[in-house]
C-alpha atoms as a PDB file:
ATOM      1  CA  MET A   1      23.254 -97.170 -15.861  1.00  0.00           C
ATOM      2  CA  THR A   2      22.712-100.871 -16.502  1.00  0.00           C
ATOM      3  CA  LYS A   3      21.993-102.766 -13.309  1.00  0.00           C
ATOM      4  CA  PHE A   4      21.573-106.407 -12.301  1.00  0.00           C
ATOM      5  CA  TYR A   5      19.232-107.550  -9.581  1.00  0.00           C
ATOM      6  CA  LYS A   6      20.211-110.954  -8.251  1.00  0.00           C
ATOM      7  CA  GLY A   7      17.282-112.951  -6.962  1.00  0.00           C
ATOM      8  CA  GLU A   8      17.119-115.578  -4.293  1.00  0.00           C
ATOM      9  CA  ILE A   9      16.361-119.266  -4.852  1.00  0.00           C
ATOM     10  CA  TYR A  10      15.031-121.465  -2.044  1.00  0.00           C
ATOM     11  CA  ASN A  11      14.632-125.239  -2.407  1.00  0.00           C
ATOM     12  CA  ASP A  12      13.040-127.758  -0.094  1.00  0.00           C
ATOM     13  CA  LYS A  13      10.822-130.840  -0.332  1.00  0.00           C
ATOM     14  CA  ARG A  14       7.845-128.649  -1.321  1.00  0.00           C
ATOM     15  CA  GLY A  15       9.570-127.260  -4.411  1.00  0.00           C
ATOM     16  CA  THR A  16      11.486-124.152  -5.412  1.00  0.00           C
ATOM     17  CA  LEU A  17      10.683-120.552  -4.546  1.00  0.00           C
ATOM     18  CA  THR A  18      12.386-117.733  -6.419  1.00  0.00           C
ATOM     19  CA  ALA A  19      12.232-114.175  -5.126  1.00  0.00           C
ATOM     20  CA  PHE A  20      13.484-110.651  -5.848  1.00  0.00           C
ATOM     21  CA  ASN A  21      13.332-108.979  -2.472  1.00  0.00           C
ATOM     22  CA  ASP A  22      15.591-106.074  -3.578  1.00  0.00           C
ATOM     23  CA  PHE A  23      13.764-105.347  -6.854  1.00  0.00           C
ATOM     24  CA  SER A  24      10.975-102.782  -6.573  1.00  0.00           C
ATOM     25  CA  LEU A  25       8.149-102.838  -9.105  1.00  0.00           C
ATOM     26  CA  VAL A  26       7.187 -99.237  -8.308  1.00  0.00           C
ATOM     27  CA  PRO A  27       8.244 -97.769 -11.699  1.00  0.00           C
ATOM     28  CA  ILE A  28       6.680-100.610 -13.744  1.00  0.00           C
ATOM     29  CA  LYS A  29       3.582 -99.777 -15.817  1.00  0.00           C
ATOM     30  CA  ARG A  30       3.368-102.830 -18.086  1.00  0.00           C
ATOM     31  CA  MET A  31       4.969-106.147 -18.930  1.00  0.00           C
ATOM     32  CA  TYR A  32       5.106-108.556 -21.832  1.00  0.00           C
ATOM     33  CA  SER A  33       7.061-111.661 -22.760  1.00  0.00           C
ATOM     34  CA  ILE A  34       8.912-112.949 -25.801  1.00  0.00           C
ATOM     35  CA  LEU A  35       9.388-116.617 -26.678  1.00  0.00           C
ATOM     36  CA  LEU A  36      12.052-117.400 -29.259  1.00  0.00           C
ATOM     37  CA  PRO A  37      11.547-120.888 -30.729  1.00  0.00           C
ATOM     38  CA  ASP A  38      15.077-121.253 -32.067  1.00  0.00           C
ATOM     39  CA  THR A  39      18.579-119.851 -31.726  1.00  0.00           C
ATOM     40  CA  GLN A  40      18.770-118.244 -35.168  1.00  0.00           C
ATOM     41  CA  ILE A  41      16.295-115.433 -34.453  1.00  0.00           C
ATOM     42  CA  VAL A  42      17.758-112.049 -33.518  1.00  0.00           C
ATOM     43  CA  ARG A  43      15.487-109.297 -32.201  1.00  0.00           C
ATOM     44  CA  ALA A  44      17.615-106.176 -32.522  1.00  0.00           C
ATOM     45  CA  TRP A  45      17.927-103.220 -32.253  1.00  0.00           C
ATOM     46  CA  GLN A  46      15.147-101.315 -30.519  1.00  0.00           C
ATOM     47  CA  GLY A  47      15.982 -98.114 -28.676  1.00  0.00           C
ATOM     48  CA  HIS A  48      14.240 -95.682 -26.374  1.00  0.00           C
ATOM     49  CA  LYS A  49      14.986 -92.097 -25.417  1.00  0.00           C
ATOM     50  CA  LYS A  50      12.607 -92.108 -22.432  1.00  0.00           C
ATOM     51  CA  GLU A  51      11.662 -95.714 -21.673  1.00  0.00           C
ATOM     52  CA  SER A  52      13.606 -97.974 -19.309  1.00  0.00           C
ATOM     53  CA  LYS A  53      13.194-101.749 -19.363  1.00  0.00           C
ATOM     54  CA  TRP A  54      13.885-104.712 -17.123  1.00  0.00           C
ATOM     55  CA  PHE A  55      14.545-108.198 -18.562  1.00  0.00           C
ATOM     56  CA  TYR A  56      13.848-111.416 -16.629  1.00  0.00           C
ATOM     57  CA  VAL A  57      14.638-114.716 -18.348  1.00  0.00           C
ATOM     58  CA  THR A  58      11.947-117.174 -17.274  1.00  0.00           C
ATOM     59  CA  HIS A  59      13.060-120.147 -19.370  1.00  0.00           C
ATOM     60  CA  GLY A  60      16.316-121.014 -21.111  1.00  0.00           C
ATOM     61  CA  ILE A  61      19.236-118.714 -21.888  1.00  0.00           C
ATOM     62  CA  PHE A  62      19.478-115.382 -23.702  1.00  0.00           C
ATOM     63  CA  ALA A  63      22.213-113.104 -24.930  1.00  0.00           C
ATOM     64  CA  ILE A  64      20.884-109.606 -24.241  1.00  0.00           C
ATOM     65  CA  ALA A  65      22.888-106.795 -25.795  1.00  0.00           C
ATOM     66  CA  ILE A  66      22.819-103.066 -25.191  1.00  0.00           C
ATOM     67  CA  VAL A  67      24.327-100.033 -26.836  1.00  0.00           C
ATOM     68  CA  GLU A  68      24.105 -96.420 -25.728  1.00  0.00           C
ATOM     69  CA  ILE A  69      22.752 -94.398 -28.648  1.00  0.00           C
ATOM     70  CA  ASP A  70      24.576 -91.161 -29.447  1.00  0.00           C
ATOM     71  CA  ASP A  71      22.018 -89.847 -31.964  1.00  0.00           C
ATOM     72  CA  PHE A  72      18.618 -91.506 -32.365  1.00  0.00           C
ATOM     73  CA  ASP A  73      18.162 -90.065 -35.863  1.00  0.00           C
ATOM     74  CA  ASN A  74      21.584 -91.090 -37.171  1.00  0.00           C
ATOM     75  CA  PRO A  75      23.561 -93.216 -34.690  1.00  0.00           C
ATOM     76  CA  SER A  76      27.260 -93.767 -35.240  1.00  0.00           C
ATOM     77  CA  LYS A  77      28.243 -97.118 -36.752  1.00  0.00           C
ATOM     78  CA  GLU A  78      31.225 -97.093 -34.364  1.00  0.00           C
ATOM     79  CA  LEU A  79      29.234 -97.467 -31.130  1.00  0.00           C
ATOM     80  CA  MET A  80      30.360-100.249 -28.810  1.00  0.00           C
ATOM     81  CA  ALA A  81      27.745-102.763 -27.723  1.00  0.00           C
ATOM     82  CA  GLU A  82      28.062-105.013 -24.730  1.00  0.00           C
ATOM     83  CA  TYR A  83      26.133-108.179 -24.053  1.00  0.00           C
ATOM     84  CA  PHE A  84      25.142-110.313 -21.107  1.00  0.00           C
ATOM     85  CA  ILE A  85      24.433-114.033 -21.022  1.00  0.00           C
ATOM     86  CA  ILE A  86      21.410-114.478 -18.787  1.00  0.00           C
ATOM     87  CA  LYS A  87      20.167-117.891 -17.677  1.00  0.00           C
ATOM     88  CA  ALA A  88      16.765-118.565 -16.154  1.00  0.00           C
ATOM     89  CA  SER A  89      18.488-120.829 -13.638  1.00  0.00           C
ATOM     90  CA  GLU A  90      20.491-117.885 -12.286  1.00  0.00           C
ATOM     91  CA  ASN A  91      17.382-115.850 -11.369  1.00  0.00           C
ATOM     92  CA  SER A  92      18.411-112.307 -12.217  1.00  0.00           C
ATOM     93  CA  VAL A  93      16.884-109.153 -13.684  1.00  0.00           C
ATOM     94  CA  LEU A  94      18.804-106.866 -16.051  1.00  0.00           C
ATOM     95  CA  GLN A  95      17.790-103.196 -16.010  1.00  0.00           C
ATOM     96  CA  ILE A  96      18.419-101.201 -19.193  1.00  0.00           C
ATOM     97  CA  PRO A  97      18.005 -97.441 -18.750  1.00  0.00           C
ATOM     98  CA  ASN A  98      16.593 -95.000 -21.262  1.00  0.00           C
ATOM     99  CA  GLY A  99      18.990 -93.787 -23.940  1.00  0.00           C
ATOM    100  CA  PHE A 100      19.975 -97.315 -24.955  1.00  0.00           C
ATOM    101  CA  ALA A 101      19.019 -99.750 -27.680  1.00  0.00           C
ATOM    102  CA  ASN A 102      18.699-103.416 -26.859  1.00  0.00           C
ATOM    103  CA  GLY A 103      18.657-106.685 -28.714  1.00  0.00           C
ATOM    104  CA  LEU A 104      18.338-110.305 -27.810  1.00  0.00           C
ATOM    105  CA  LYS A 105      18.993-113.800 -29.076  1.00  0.00           C
ATOM    106  CA  ALA A 106      18.013-117.115 -27.511  1.00  0.00           C
ATOM    107  CA  LEU A 107      20.947-119.418 -26.854  1.00  0.00           C
ATOM    108  CA  GLU A 108      18.634-122.382 -26.237  1.00  0.00           C
ATOM    109  CA  PRO A 109      15.498-123.203 -28.239  1.00  0.00           C
ATOM    110  CA  ASN A 110      12.195-122.068 -26.705  1.00  0.00           C
ATOM    111  CA  SER A 111      13.793-119.553 -24.366  1.00  0.00           C
ATOM    112  CA  LYS A 112      11.418-117.010 -22.871  1.00  0.00           C
ATOM    113  CA  VAL A 113      12.001-113.567 -21.383  1.00  0.00           C
ATOM    114  CA  ALA A 114       9.617-111.289 -19.474  1.00  0.00           C
ATOM    115  CA  ILE A 115      10.116-107.585 -20.118  1.00  0.00           C
ATOM    116  CA  PHE A 116       8.914-104.833 -17.810  1.00  0.00           C
ATOM    117  CA  SER A 117       8.546-101.185 -18.875  1.00  0.00           C
ATOM    118  CA  ASP A 118       8.173 -97.901 -17.023  1.00  0.00           C
ATOM    119  CA  LEU A 119       5.943 -96.431 -19.779  1.00  0.00           C
ATOM    120  CA  THR A 120       2.442 -97.375 -20.815  1.00  0.00           C
ATOM    121  CA  LEU A 121       1.990 -98.574 -24.393  1.00  0.00           C
ATOM    122  CA  ASP A 122       0.470 -95.207 -25.290  1.00  0.00           C
ATOM    123  CA  GLU A 123       3.375 -93.310 -23.690  1.00  0.00           C
ATOM    124  CA  ALA A 124       5.921 -95.522 -25.467  1.00  0.00           C
ATOM    125  CA  LYS A 125       4.460 -95.408 -28.981  1.00  0.00           C
ATOM    126  CA  ASN A 126       6.515 -92.323 -29.972  1.00  0.00           C
ATOM    127  CA  ASP A 127       9.627 -93.557 -28.173  1.00  0.00           C
ATOM    128  CA  ASN A 128      10.412 -96.611 -30.272  1.00  0.00           C
ATOM    129  CA  PHE A 129      13.462 -96.437 -32.532  1.00  0.00           C
ATOM    130  CA  LYS A 130      14.486 -99.422 -34.665  1.00  0.00           C
ATOM    131  CA  PHE A 131      17.981 -99.963 -36.003  1.00  0.00           C
ATOM    132  CA  GLU A 132      19.518-102.589 -38.298  1.00  0.00           C
ATOM    133  CA  SER A 133      20.311-105.822 -36.434  1.00  0.00           C
ATOM    134  CA  LYS A 134      23.748-106.078 -38.053  1.00  0.00           C
ATOM    135  CA  ASN A 135      24.872-102.841 -36.363  1.00  0.00           C
ATOM    136  CA  TRP A 136      27.282-102.877 -33.398  1.00  0.00           C
ATOM    137  CA  LEU A 137      27.428-106.648 -32.726  1.00  0.00           C
ATOM    138  CA  ASN A 138      28.082-109.849 -34.638  1.00  0.00           C
ATOM    139  CA  TRP A 139      25.164-111.965 -33.419  1.00  0.00           C
ATOM    140  CA  ASP A 140      26.496-115.045 -35.250  1.00  0.00           C
ATOM    141  CA  LYS A 141      29.390-115.258 -32.780  1.00  0.00           C
ATOM    142  CA  LEU A 142      27.073-115.640 -29.797  1.00  0.00           C
END
């Protein structure tokens, strides 16, 4: 099940502190980040049978889309994707469980997202399924 973790933001004369006091890093085994220099790039679709991921927008705004895959070898063209607009200024984490494919598009130039995974790179290498970006969502409308 997709889940949002809403973080806290504290401001005072010393600056801004952002926190995720309800988000446990216990299942996390690795992290990486993606910087998209412009709003025309679409990174979609990448799916995982076993791997779960957490997305944290650190700069800018992203549309992050998900679709539950019915058959990883030959998914239906009729699957329904949903998407979320996630802003760095809103300080939230989106959890995408295993069994889904995800895609993303920056809605502001130079947007950056940190991605956390519950599998090591070695564990994940046979759990990476790529699908055509034009499937399930019209990215041009975002």
